[in-house]
């Protein structure tokens, strides 16, 4: 059975440990099999790229994956790191809520 993550693609997260501690960005891609994700503007690495018909060659910067335990969701109300909980509404649907403020998280 696959592990359930409370962070989804498009969410705003902040890095809580590592060399990019304190940086924020949106989640670009989830790598569920490895428990990792790509965050925009975080953990940038330089790669040498060969020239192709579509792209120019040279040294490019791109995001490398970061472990999911090193990021925290950003509270929509206070803009600070928070944990994420699940709340079941009266109609039976589930929504994600920020533990810090209790507000629902869109998405």
Protein backbone atom coordinates (compact mmCIF):
# COMPACT_ATOMS: atom_id res chain seq x y z
CA UNK A 1 0.00 0.00 0.00
CA UNK A 2 1.36 3.41 -0.96
CA UNK A 3 2.13 5.97 1.72
CA UNK A 4 -0.26 8.91 1.98
CA UNK A 5 1.32 12.35 1.77
CA UNK A 6 -0.30 15.51 3.08
CA UNK A 7 1.65 17.66 0.61
CA UNK A 8 0.53 17.84 -3.01
CA UNK A 9 1.80 19.29 -6.27
CA UNK A 10 1.28 23.07 -6.33
CA UNK A 11 1.39 23.54 -2.53
CA UNK A 12 3.57 26.25 -1.00
CA UNK A 13 6.22 24.73 1.29
CA UNK A 14 9.24 25.95 3.23
CA UNK A 15 12.51 24.09 3.80
CA UNK A 16 13.05 23.34 7.49
CA UNK A 17 16.49 21.68 7.33
CA UNK A 18 19.50 21.43 5.05
CA UNK A 19 21.53 23.91 3.04
CA UNK A 20 18.42 25.74 1.75
CA UNK A 21 16.78 26.13 5.18
CA UNK A 22 14.29 28.99 5.19
CA UNK A 23 13.64 29.07 1.44
CA UNK A 24 10.08 28.76 0.18
CA UNK A 25 8.61 27.62 -3.10
CA UNK A 26 5.82 25.66 -4.71
CA UNK A 27 5.98 21.91 -5.25
CA UNK A 28 6.72 21.15 -8.90
CA UNK A 29 6.70 17.35 -8.81
CA UNK A 30 6.16 14.54 -6.33
CA UNK A 31 8.41 11.48 -6.46
CA UNK A 32 6.20 9.22 -4.32
CA UNK A 33 8.30 6.08 -4.75
CA UNK A 34 11.36 7.77 -3.21
CA UNK A 35 9.52 10.01 -0.67
CA UNK A 36 11.02 13.06 -2.38
CA UNK A 37 9.75 16.16 -4.16
CA UNK A 38 10.94 19.00 -6.39
CA UNK A 39 10.49 22.52 -5.01
CA UNK A 40 10.79 25.57 -7.26
CA UNK A 41 14.04 27.48 -6.59
CA UNK A 42 15.29 25.06 -3.90
CA UNK A 43 18.30 22.70 -4.04
CA UNK A 44 19.59 24.07 -7.34
CA UNK A 45 22.34 22.06 -9.05
CA UNK A 46 24.37 22.75 -12.17
CA UNK A 47 24.31 20.24 -15.02
CA UNK A 48 26.25 20.13 -18.26
CA UNK A 49 23.78 19.77 -21.11
CA UNK A 50 24.58 18.68 -24.62
CA UNK A 51 23.11 20.78 -27.40
CA UNK A 52 20.03 19.39 -29.13
CA UNK A 53 17.75 20.67 -31.86
CA UNK A 54 15.34 22.04 -29.26
CA UNK A 55 17.75 23.27 -26.56
CA UNK A 56 20.99 25.19 -26.39
CA UNK A 57 23.98 23.41 -24.86
CA UNK A 58 25.98 24.56 -21.86
CA UNK A 59 25.77 24.61 -18.09
CA UNK A 60 22.20 24.87 -16.83
CA UNK A 61 20.75 25.17 -13.32
CA UNK A 62 17.80 23.03 -12.31
CA UNK A 63 16.09 21.82 -9.16
CA UNK A 64 17.16 18.55 -7.57
CA UNK A 65 14.84 16.51 -5.38
CA UNK A 66 14.61 17.03 -1.63
CA UNK A 67 13.29 14.59 0.96
CA UNK A 68 9.72 15.19 2.07
CA UNK A 69 10.73 15.24 5.75
CA UNK A 70 12.84 18.37 5.14
CA UNK A 71 9.88 20.55 4.12
CA UNK A 72 6.83 21.89 5.94
CA UNK A 73 3.58 23.25 4.55
CA UNK A 74 3.01 27.02 4.82
CA UNK A 75 -0.04 28.12 6.83
CA UNK A 76 -2.38 30.16 4.60
CA UNK A 77 -3.25 32.54 7.46
CA UNK A 78 0.06 33.22 9.23
CA UNK A 79 2.51 32.32 6.41
CA UNK A 80 4.54 30.21 8.89
CA UNK A 81 5.41 26.49 8.74
CA UNK A 82 2.66 24.20 9.95
CA UNK A 83 1.68 20.57 10.10
CA UNK A 84 -1.25 19.35 8.03
CA UNK A 85 -4.25 17.43 9.34
CA UNK A 86 -7.31 15.85 7.75
CA UNK A 87 -10.83 16.89 8.68
CA UNK A 88 -13.97 15.04 7.61
CA UNK A 89 -16.88 17.33 6.77
CA UNK A 90 -20.55 16.56 7.44
CA UNK A 91 -21.10 15.52 3.83
CA UNK A 92 -18.33 12.89 4.20
CA UNK A 93 -15.64 14.64 2.13
CA UNK A 94 -12.12 15.08 3.47
CA UNK A 95 -10.26 18.40 3.52
CA UNK A 96 -6.73 19.27 4.59
CA UNK A 97 -6.44 21.74 7.47
CA UNK A 98 -3.47 23.64 8.89
CA UNK A 99 -2.78 22.62 12.49
CA UNK A 100 -1.46 26.11 13.38
CA UNK A 101 -4.57 28.13 12.44
CA UNK A 102 -7.23 25.51 11.67
CA UNK A 103 -7.88 26.95 8.20
CA UNK A 104 -8.57 24.67 5.25
CA UNK A 105 -5.89 24.26 2.62
CA UNK A 106 -7.01 24.65 -0.97
CA UNK A 107 -6.15 22.01 -3.53
